[in-house]
Amino acid sequence: SHSHAFVTGYAVFMRFPALDAAGVSVGKFRDRSGAEFRKCVEDLVDLYVADRGLSFTNTLATGAGPKNPMGLNATDLFASFCMRLARDHGGSDFVKRLWQEVGRRPVAKSPQDGIDNYVIAASSAAGSDLGPLFVDTWRWPVSEEARKLCREVVGTR
């Protein structure tokens, strides 16, 4: 299930804002520098988007990442999605809002609920409908109900 990618990916992602807040840099990872590791994680989303054969189902749901120079997997890919959202929607302020919004969503009763909750929370935190990004660009399976809720959050923040 994708829950491992989300839970562990959240931890992988939060490592970077935590280190940034503390004013320290990422240490060596495997045989690469911390800066190389961070860049590789950041770039995973671009590698994923570029490979039209990849989807949520054959990456995040199975624990796999796109082919990459460090052999990073789905947890790092989820972190990469989070990093891109933060970069494009307000940095640390977005991150704070995102996890607040996730906490406001109802408890997920299914994997689909978990996906939908994250996409709705991200849209709410961004103050814009991110449904098209998740569905069309990132190829995530988002329900029609969640798409509708994403459209409704525009301008509510």
N, C-alpha and C. Protein backbone atom coordinates (compact mmCIF):
# COMPACT_ATOMS: atom_id res chain seq x y z
N SER A 1 0.84 -1.20 0.00
CA SER A 1 0.00 0.00 0.00
C SER A 1 0.87 1.25 0.00
N HIS A 2 0.29 2.33 -0.46
CA HIS A 2 1.04 3.58 -0.55
C HIS A 2 1.25 4.24 0.80
N SER A 3 0.60 3.74 1.85
CA SER A 3 0.70 4.41 3.15
C SER A 3 2.15 4.47 3.63
N HIS A 4 2.95 3.45 3.36
CA HIS A 4 4.36 3.48 3.74
C HIS A 4 5.07 4.63 3.03
N ALA A 5 4.80 4.79 1.74
CA ALA A 5 5.44 5.87 0.98
C ALA A 5 5.06 7.22 1.57
N PHE A 6 3.79 7.37 1.98
CA PHE A 6 3.34 8.64 2.53
C PHE A 6 3.96 8.88 3.92
N VAL A 7 3.86 7.89 4.81
CA VAL A 7 4.32 8.08 6.18
C VAL A 7 5.83 8.28 6.22
N THR A 8 6.57 7.38 5.60
CA THR A 8 8.03 7.50 5.61
C THR A 8 8.47 8.66 4.72
N GLY A 9 7.77 8.87 3.61
CA GLY A 9 8.08 10.01 2.73
C GLY A 9 7.91 11.33 3.43
N TYR A 10 6.90 11.42 4.32
CA TYR A 10 6.71 12.62 5.13
C TYR A 10 7.96 12.87 5.98
N ALA A 11 8.47 11.81 6.60
CA ALA A 11 9.68 11.94 7.43
C ALA A 11 10.89 12.35 6.58
N VAL A 12 11.02 11.74 5.41
CA VAL A 12 12.13 12.09 4.51
C VAL A 12 12.03 13.57 4.13
N PHE A 13 10.81 14.00 3.78
CA PHE A 13 10.60 15.40 3.41
C PHE A 13 10.92 16.34 4.57
N MET A 14 10.35 16.07 5.75
CA MET A 14 10.49 16.98 6.88
C MET A 14 11.93 17.09 7.37
N ARG A 15 12.76 16.13 7.02
CA ARG A 15 14.19 16.23 7.34
C ARG A 15 14.75 17.55 6.80
N PHE A 16 14.37 17.90 5.59
CA PHE A 16 14.95 19.08 4.95
C PHE A 16 14.51 20.39 5.60
N PRO A 17 13.19 20.64 5.80
CA PRO A 17 12.81 21.87 6.50
C PRO A 17 13.34 21.93 7.94
N ALA A 18 13.43 20.78 8.60
CA ALA A 18 13.95 20.76 9.97
C ALA A 18 15.42 21.18 9.98
N LEU A 19 16.20 20.64 9.08
CA LEU A 19 17.61 21.02 9.00
C LEU A 19 17.77 22.48 8.61
N ASP A 20 16.93 22.93 7.66
CA ASP A 20 16.98 24.34 7.24
C ASP A 20 16.68 25.25 8.43
N ALA A 21 15.64 24.90 9.21
CA ALA A 21 15.26 25.71 10.37
C ALA A 21 16.38 25.75 11.41
N ALA A 22 17.11 24.64 11.53
CA ALA A 22 18.21 24.57 12.49
C ALA A 22 19.49 25.21 11.95
N GLY A 23 19.48 25.56 10.66
CA GLY A 23 20.65 26.19 10.06
C GLY A 23 21.79 25.23 9.79
N VAL A 24 21.48 23.96 9.62
CA VAL A 24 22.52 22.98 9.31
C VAL A 24 22.20 22.29 7.98
N SER A 25 23.21 21.69 7.38
CA SER A 25 23.00 21.05 6.09
C SER A 25 22.93 19.54 6.24
N VAL A 26 22.39 18.90 5.21
CA VAL A 26 22.26 17.45 5.19
C VAL A 26 23.65 16.83 5.13
N GLY A 27 23.86 15.81 5.93
CA GLY A 27 25.14 15.11 5.92
C GLY A 27 25.24 14.16 4.74
N LYS A 28 26.36 13.50 4.65
CA LYS A 28 26.62 12.55 3.57
C LYS A 28 25.55 11.46 3.57
N PHE A 29 25.13 11.05 2.38
CA PHE A 29 24.14 9.99 2.25
C PHE A 29 24.68 8.98 1.25
N ARG A 30 24.76 7.72 1.69
CA ARG A 30 25.41 6.68 0.89
C ARG A 30 26.78 7.19 0.48
N ASP A 31 27.10 7.22 -0.79
CA ASP A 31 28.42 7.69 -1.20
C ASP A 31 28.38 9.10 -1.77
N ARG A 32 27.30 9.83 -1.50
CA ARG A 32 27.12 11.18 -2.05
C ARG A 32 27.07 12.21 -0.93
N SER A 33 27.33 13.45 -1.32
CA SER A 33 27.23 14.54 -0.34
C SER A 33 25.76 14.79 -0.02
N GLY A 34 25.53 15.46 1.09
CA GLY A 34 24.16 15.82 1.45
C GLY A 34 23.51 16.69 0.40
N ALA A 35 24.28 17.60 -0.20
CA ALA A 35 23.73 18.47 -1.24
C ALA A 35 23.32 17.66 -2.47
N GLU A 36 24.13 16.65 -2.84
CA GLU A 36 23.77 15.78 -3.97
C GLU A 36 22.51 14.98 -3.67
N PHE A 37 22.42 14.48 -2.43
CA PHE A 37 21.24 13.72 -2.02
C PHE A 37 19.99 14.59 -2.10
N ARG A 38 20.07 15.79 -1.54
CA ARG A 38 18.91 16.69 -1.55
C ARG A 38 18.48 17.00 -2.98
N LYS A 39 19.44 17.29 -3.85
CA LYS A 39 19.13 17.61 -5.25
C LYS A 39 18.49 16.41 -5.94
N CYS A 40 18.98 15.21 -5.66
CA CYS A 40 18.41 14.01 -6.27
C CYS A 40 16.96 13.83 -5.82
N VAL A 41 16.69 14.04 -4.52
CA VAL A 41 15.31 13.95 -4.04
C VAL A 41 14.45 15.01 -4.73
N GLU A 42 14.92 16.24 -4.79
CA GLU A 42 14.17 17.32 -5.44
C GLU A 42 13.84 16.98 -6.89
N ASP A 43 14.77 16.35 -7.57
CA ASP A 43 14.61 16.06 -9.00
C ASP A 43 13.73 14.85 -9.31
N LEU A 44 13.42 14.03 -8.31
CA LEU A 44 12.64 12.82 -8.57
C LEU A 44 11.31 13.12 -9.24
N VAL A 45 10.65 14.19 -8.81
CA VAL A 45 9.35 14.52 -9.39
C VAL A 45 9.50 14.79 -10.89
N ASP A 46 10.58 15.43 -11.30
CA ASP A 46 10.80 15.71 -12.72
C ASP A 46 11.09 14.43 -13.51
N LEU A 47 11.85 13.52 -12.92
CA LEU A 47 12.11 12.24 -13.57
C LEU A 47 10.81 11.46 -13.73
N TYR A 48 9.98 11.49 -12.69
CA TYR A 48 8.68 10.82 -12.71
C TYR A 48 7.80 11.40 -13.82
N VAL A 49 7.66 12.71 -13.85
CA VAL A 49 6.79 13.37 -14.85
C VAL A 49 7.28 13.07 -16.27
N ALA A 50 8.60 13.05 -16.46
CA ALA A 50 9.16 12.83 -17.79
C ALA A 50 8.92 11.42 -18.32
N ASP A 51 8.76 10.46 -17.42
CA ASP A 51 8.55 9.07 -17.84
C ASP A 51 7.05 8.77 -17.83
N ARG A 52 6.42 8.87 -19.00
CA ARG A 52 4.96 8.70 -19.11
C ARG A 52 4.50 7.29 -18.72
N GLY A 53 5.44 6.36 -18.62
CA GLY A 53 5.08 5.00 -18.19
C GLY A 53 4.89 4.89 -16.68
N LEU A 54 5.27 5.94 -15.95
CA LEU A 54 5.14 5.91 -14.50
C LEU A 54 3.81 6.52 -14.07
N SER A 55 3.26 5.96 -13.00
CA SER A 55 2.02 6.47 -12.43
C SER A 55 2.07 6.25 -10.93
N PHE A 56 1.10 6.78 -10.24
CA PHE A 56 0.97 6.56 -8.80
C PHE A 56 0.98 5.06 -8.52
N THR A 57 0.23 4.31 -9.34
CA THR A 57 0.05 2.87 -9.14
C THR A 57 1.34 2.08 -9.21
N ASN A 58 2.24 2.45 -10.12
CA ASN A 58 3.48 1.66 -10.24
C ASN A 58 4.69 2.32 -9.58
N THR A 59 4.45 3.36 -8.78
CA THR A 59 5.54 3.97 -8.00
C THR A 59 5.14 4.02 -6.53
N LEU A 60 4.40 5.04 -6.14
CA LEU A 60 4.06 5.22 -4.73
C LEU A 60 3.33 4.02 -4.15
N ALA A 61 2.44 3.42 -4.92
CA ALA A 61 1.65 2.28 -4.42
C ALA A 61 2.47 0.99 -4.29
N THR A 62 3.60 0.92 -4.98
CA THR A 62 4.40 -0.31 -4.94
C THR A 62 5.76 -0.13 -4.25
N GLY A 63 6.07 1.09 -3.84
CA GLY A 63 7.34 1.34 -3.17
C GLY A 63 8.48 1.69 -4.10
N ALA A 64 8.18 1.86 -5.39
CA ALA A 64 9.23 2.14 -6.38
C ALA A 64 9.34 3.63 -6.68
N GLY A 65 10.53 4.04 -7.04
CA GLY A 65 10.75 5.40 -7.51
C GLY A 65 11.12 5.36 -8.98
N PRO A 66 11.18 6.52 -9.62
CA PRO A 66 11.67 6.53 -10.99
C PRO A 66 13.16 6.19 -11.00
N LYS A 67 13.66 5.74 -12.14
CA LYS A 67 15.10 5.48 -12.24
C LYS A 67 15.83 6.76 -11.90
N ASN A 68 16.83 6.63 -11.02
CA ASN A 68 17.59 7.81 -10.60
C ASN A 68 18.98 7.38 -10.18
N PRO A 69 19.92 8.33 -10.18
CA PRO A 69 21.32 7.99 -9.94
C PRO A 69 21.63 7.44 -8.55
N MET A 70 20.75 7.64 -7.58
CA MET A 70 21.03 7.18 -6.23
C MET A 70 20.16 5.99 -5.82
N GLY A 71 19.32 5.48 -6.73
CA GLY A 71 18.47 4.35 -6.41
C GLY A 71 17.42 4.67 -5.36
N LEU A 72 16.96 5.92 -5.32
CA LEU A 72 15.95 6.34 -4.36
C LEU A 72 14.60 5.74 -4.73
N ASN A 73 13.73 5.57 -3.72
CA ASN A 73 12.47 4.87 -3.95
C ASN A 73 11.24 5.74 -3.71
N ALA A 74 10.10 5.09 -3.46
CA ALA A 74 8.82 5.80 -3.34
C ALA A 74 8.77 6.77 -2.17
N THR A 75 9.46 6.45 -1.08
CA THR A 75 9.43 7.39 0.05
C THR A 75 10.10 8.71 -0.35
N ASP A 76 11.18 8.60 -1.10
CA ASP A 76 11.87 9.80 -1.58
C ASP A 76 11.04 10.51 -2.65
N LEU A 77 10.32 9.74 -3.47
CA LEU A 77 9.45 10.34 -4.47
C LEU A 77 8.33 11.14 -3.80
N PHE A 78 7.71 10.58 -2.75
CA PHE A 78 6.68 11.33 -2.04
C PHE A 78 7.28 12.61 -1.46
N ALA A 79 8.48 12.51 -0.89
CA ALA A 79 9.16 13.69 -0.36
C ALA A 79 9.38 14.71 -1.47
N SER A 80 9.71 14.25 -2.67
CA SER A 80 9.94 15.13 -3.81
C SER A 80 8.66 15.88 -4.19
N PHE A 81 7.52 15.17 -4.18
CA PHE A 81 6.24 15.84 -4.44
C PHE A 81 6.01 16.94 -3.40
N CYS A 82 6.28 16.63 -2.14
CA CYS A 82 6.10 17.62 -1.07
C CYS A 82 7.03 18.82 -1.26
N MET A 83 8.28 18.54 -1.62
CA MET A 83 9.25 19.61 -1.84
C MET A 83 8.80 20.53 -2.97
N ARG A 84 8.27 19.95 -4.04
CA ARG A 84 7.82 20.76 -5.18
C ARG A 84 6.62 21.62 -4.80
N LEU A 85 5.69 21.04 -4.04
CA LEU A 85 4.55 21.81 -3.58
C LEU A 85 5.01 22.98 -2.71
N ALA A 86 5.92 22.71 -1.79
CA ALA A 86 6.44 23.77 -0.92
C ALA A 86 7.15 24.84 -1.74
N ARG A 87 7.97 24.43 -2.68
CA ARG A 87 8.71 25.39 -3.51
C ARG A 87 7.76 26.32 -4.26
N ASP A 88 6.67 25.75 -4.78
CA ASP A 88 5.78 26.51 -5.65
C ASP A 88 4.64 27.22 -4.92
N HIS A 89 4.44 26.92 -3.63
CA HIS A 89 3.26 27.46 -2.95
C HIS A 89 3.53 28.09 -1.59
N GLY A 90 4.73 28.60 -1.36
CA GLY A 90 4.94 29.38 -0.14
C GLY A 90 5.93 28.85 0.85
N GLY A 91 6.73 27.86 0.46
CA GLY A 91 7.81 27.40 1.32
C GLY A 91 7.34 26.89 2.67
N SER A 92 8.03 27.33 3.74
CA SER A 92 7.73 26.81 5.08
C SER A 92 6.32 27.18 5.53
N ASP A 93 5.78 28.31 5.08
CA ASP A 93 4.40 28.66 5.43
C ASP A 93 3.43 27.65 4.82
N PHE A 94 3.69 27.26 3.58
CA PHE A 94 2.85 26.24 2.95
C PHE A 94 2.94 24.92 3.71
N VAL A 95 4.15 24.53 4.09
CA VAL A 95 4.35 23.26 4.80
C VAL A 95 3.55 23.26 6.09
N LYS A 96 3.62 24.35 6.84
CA LYS A 96 2.86 24.45 8.09
C LYS A 96 1.36 24.33 7.83
N ARG A 97 0.88 25.05 6.82
CA ARG A 97 -0.55 24.99 6.48
C ARG A 97 -0.94 23.59 6.00
N LEU A 98 -0.07 22.95 5.20
CA LEU A 98 -0.38 21.64 4.66
C LEU A 98 -0.67 20.64 5.77
N TRP A 99 0.21 20.55 6.76
CA TRP A 99 0.01 19.55 7.81
C TRP A 99 -1.16 19.93 8.71
N GLN A 100 -1.44 21.23 8.85
CA GLN A 100 -2.65 21.64 9.58
C GLN A 100 -3.89 21.17 8.82
N GLU A 101 -3.88 21.34 7.51
CA GLU A 101 -5.02 20.93 6.68
C GLU A 101 -5.18 19.41 6.67
N VAL A 102 -4.07 18.68 6.62
CA VAL A 102 -4.15 17.22 6.67
C VAL A 102 -4.84 16.81 7.98
N GLY A 103 -4.49 17.47 9.07
CA GLY A 103 -5.09 17.16 10.37
C GLY A 103 -6.58 17.46 10.44
N ARG A 104 -7.06 18.35 9.58
CA ARG A 104 -8.49 18.69 9.56
C ARG A 104 -9.32 17.72 8.73
N ARG A 105 -8.68 16.91 7.92
CA ARG A 105 -9.41 15.97 7.07
C ARG A 105 -9.94 14.80 7.90
N PRO A 106 -11.06 14.20 7.48
CA PRO A 106 -11.56 13.04 8.21
C PRO A 106 -10.58 11.86 8.12
N VAL A 107 -10.64 10.98 9.09
CA VAL A 107 -9.77 9.80 9.10
C VAL A 107 -10.03 9.00 7.82
N ALA A 108 -8.96 8.62 7.16
CA ALA A 108 -9.08 7.84 5.93
C ALA A 108 -9.52 6.42 6.25
N LYS A 109 -10.55 5.98 5.57
CA LYS A 109 -11.05 4.61 5.76
C LYS A 109 -10.58 3.68 4.65
N SER A 110 -9.91 4.26 3.65
CA SER A 110 -9.42 3.47 2.52
C SER A 110 -8.19 4.17 1.95
N PRO A 111 -7.42 3.45 1.13
CA PRO A 111 -6.28 4.10 0.47
C PRO A 111 -6.74 5.31 -0.36
N GLN A 112 -7.89 5.19 -1.03
CA GLN A 112 -8.37 6.32 -1.83
C GLN A 112 -8.65 7.54 -0.96
N ASP A 113 -9.22 7.32 0.23
CA ASP A 113 -9.46 8.43 1.15
C ASP A 113 -8.15 9.13 1.51
N GLY A 114 -7.09 8.36 1.73
CA GLY A 114 -5.80 8.93 2.08
C GLY A 114 -5.26 9.81 0.96
N ILE A 115 -5.35 9.32 -0.27
CA ILE A 115 -4.91 10.09 -1.43
C ILE A 115 -5.72 11.37 -1.53
N ASP A 116 -7.05 11.22 -1.48
CA ASP A 116 -7.93 12.38 -1.59
C ASP A 116 -7.66 13.39 -0.48
N ASN A 117 -7.51 12.92 0.75
CA ASN A 117 -7.23 13.83 1.86
C ASN A 117 -5.99 14.66 1.61
N TYR A 118 -4.94 14.02 1.11
CA TYR A 118 -3.69 14.74 0.87
C TYR A 118 -3.87 15.80 -0.22
N VAL A 119 -4.54 15.44 -1.30
CA VAL A 119 -4.72 16.37 -2.42
C VAL A 119 -5.61 17.54 -2.00
N ILE A 120 -6.67 17.27 -1.26
CA ILE A 120 -7.56 18.34 -0.78
C ILE A 120 -6.79 19.25 0.19
N ALA A 121 -6.04 18.65 1.10
CA ALA A 121 -5.26 19.44 2.06
C ALA A 121 -4.22 20.31 1.35
N ALA A 122 -3.55 19.76 0.34
CA ALA A 122 -2.56 20.54 -0.41
C ALA A 122 -3.22 21.70 -1.14
N SER A 123 -4.39 21.46 -1.73
CA SER A 123 -5.11 22.54 -2.42
C SER A 123 -5.51 23.62 -1.43
N SER A 124 -6.00 23.21 -0.30
CA SER A 124 -6.42 24.16 0.73
C SER A 124 -5.22 24.98 1.22
N ALA A 125 -4.11 24.30 1.49
CA ALA A 125 -2.91 24.99 1.96
C ALA A 125 -2.36 25.96 0.92
N ALA A 126 -2.51 25.60 -0.36
CA ALA A 126 -2.03 26.46 -1.45
C ALA A 126 -3.02 27.57 -1.77
N GLY A 127 -4.27 27.40 -1.36
CA GLY A 127 -5.30 28.37 -1.72
C GLY A 127 -5.63 28.32 -3.19
N SER A 128 -5.36 27.18 -3.83
CA SER A 128 -5.70 27.02 -5.24
C SER A 128 -5.99 25.55 -5.55
N ASP A 129 -6.71 25.33 -6.61
CA ASP A 129 -7.10 23.98 -7.02
C ASP A 129 -5.90 23.25 -7.60
N LEU A 130 -5.36 22.33 -6.84
CA LEU A 130 -4.21 21.56 -7.32
C LEU A 130 -4.64 20.24 -7.97
N GLY A 131 -5.95 20.02 -8.09
CA GLY A 131 -6.44 18.80 -8.72
C GLY A 131 -5.82 18.54 -10.07
N PRO A 132 -5.80 19.53 -10.98
CA PRO A 132 -5.19 19.28 -12.30
C PRO A 132 -3.71 18.90 -12.22
N LEU A 133 -2.97 19.48 -11.30
CA LEU A 133 -1.56 19.12 -11.13
C LEU A 133 -1.44 17.65 -10.72
N PHE A 134 -2.20 17.26 -9.70
CA PHE A 134 -2.12 15.88 -9.22
C PHE A 134 -2.63 14.88 -10.26
N VAL A 135 -3.72 15.20 -10.95
CA VAL A 135 -4.33 14.25 -11.88
C VAL A 135 -3.63 14.25 -13.24
N ASP A 136 -3.49 15.41 -13.84
CA ASP A 136 -3.00 15.49 -15.23
C ASP A 136 -1.48 15.42 -15.32
N THR A 137 -0.78 16.11 -14.43
CA THR A 137 0.68 16.15 -14.50
C THR A 137 1.32 15.01 -13.71
N TRP A 138 0.81 14.80 -12.49
CA TRP A 138 1.44 13.81 -11.62
C TRP A 138 0.77 12.44 -11.68
N ARG A 139 -0.34 12.33 -12.38
CA ARG A 139 -1.00 11.04 -12.64
C ARG A 139 -1.40 10.30 -11.35
N TRP A 140 -1.96 11.05 -10.40
CA TRP A 140 -2.48 10.45 -9.17
C TRP A 140 -3.95 10.11 -9.38
N PRO A 141 -4.44 9.04 -8.76
CA PRO A 141 -5.86 8.67 -8.86
C PRO A 141 -6.69 9.44 -7.83
N VAL A 142 -7.22 10.58 -8.23
CA VAL A 142 -7.99 11.44 -7.33
C VAL A 142 -9.48 11.27 -7.67
N SER A 143 -10.30 11.07 -6.65
CA SER A 143 -11.73 10.87 -6.89
C SER A 143 -12.41 12.14 -7.40
N GLU A 144 -13.54 11.96 -8.05
CA GLU A 144 -14.31 13.12 -8.53
C GLU A 144 -14.76 13.99 -7.37
N GLU A 145 -15.15 13.37 -6.27
CA GLU A 145 -15.57 14.15 -5.09
C GLU A 145 -14.42 15.01 -4.58
N ALA A 146 -13.22 14.45 -4.54
CA ALA A 146 -12.05 15.23 -4.10
C ALA A 146 -11.74 16.34 -5.09
N ARG A 147 -11.87 16.06 -6.37
CA ARG A 147 -11.64 17.11 -7.39
C ARG A 147 -12.59 18.28 -7.15
N LYS A 148 -13.84 17.95 -6.85
CA LYS A 148 -14.85 18.98 -6.59
C LYS A 148 -14.44 19.80 -5.35
N LEU A 149 -14.02 19.13 -4.29
CA LEU A 149 -13.61 19.84 -3.07
C LEU A 149 -12.37 20.70 -3.33
N CYS A 150 -11.46 20.24 -4.17
CA CYS A 150 -10.28 21.04 -4.51
C CYS A 150 -10.69 22.34 -5.21
N ARG A 151 -11.67 22.24 -6.11
CA ARG A 151 -12.15 23.44 -6.81
C ARG A 151 -12.80 24.42 -5.83
N GLU A 152 -13.44 23.88 -4.81
CA GLU A 152 -14.16 24.72 -3.84
C GLU A 152 -13.22 25.45 -2.87
N VAL A 153 -12.00 24.96 -2.67
CA VAL A 153 -11.10 25.60 -1.70
C VAL A 153 -10.46 26.87 -2.25
N VAL A 154 -10.56 27.09 -3.54
CA VAL A 154 -9.93 28.27 -4.14
C VAL A 154 -10.47 29.52 -3.47
N GLY A 155 -9.55 30.33 -2.99
CA GLY A 155 -9.95 31.59 -2.39
C GLY A 155 -10.45 31.51 -0.97
N THR A 156 -10.40 30.30 -0.36
CA THR A 156 -10.90 30.19 1.01
C THR A 156 -9.82 30.52 2.04
N ARG A 157 -8.56 30.53 1.63
CA ARG A 157 -7.50 30.81 2.58
C ARG A 157 -7.31 32.31 2.69
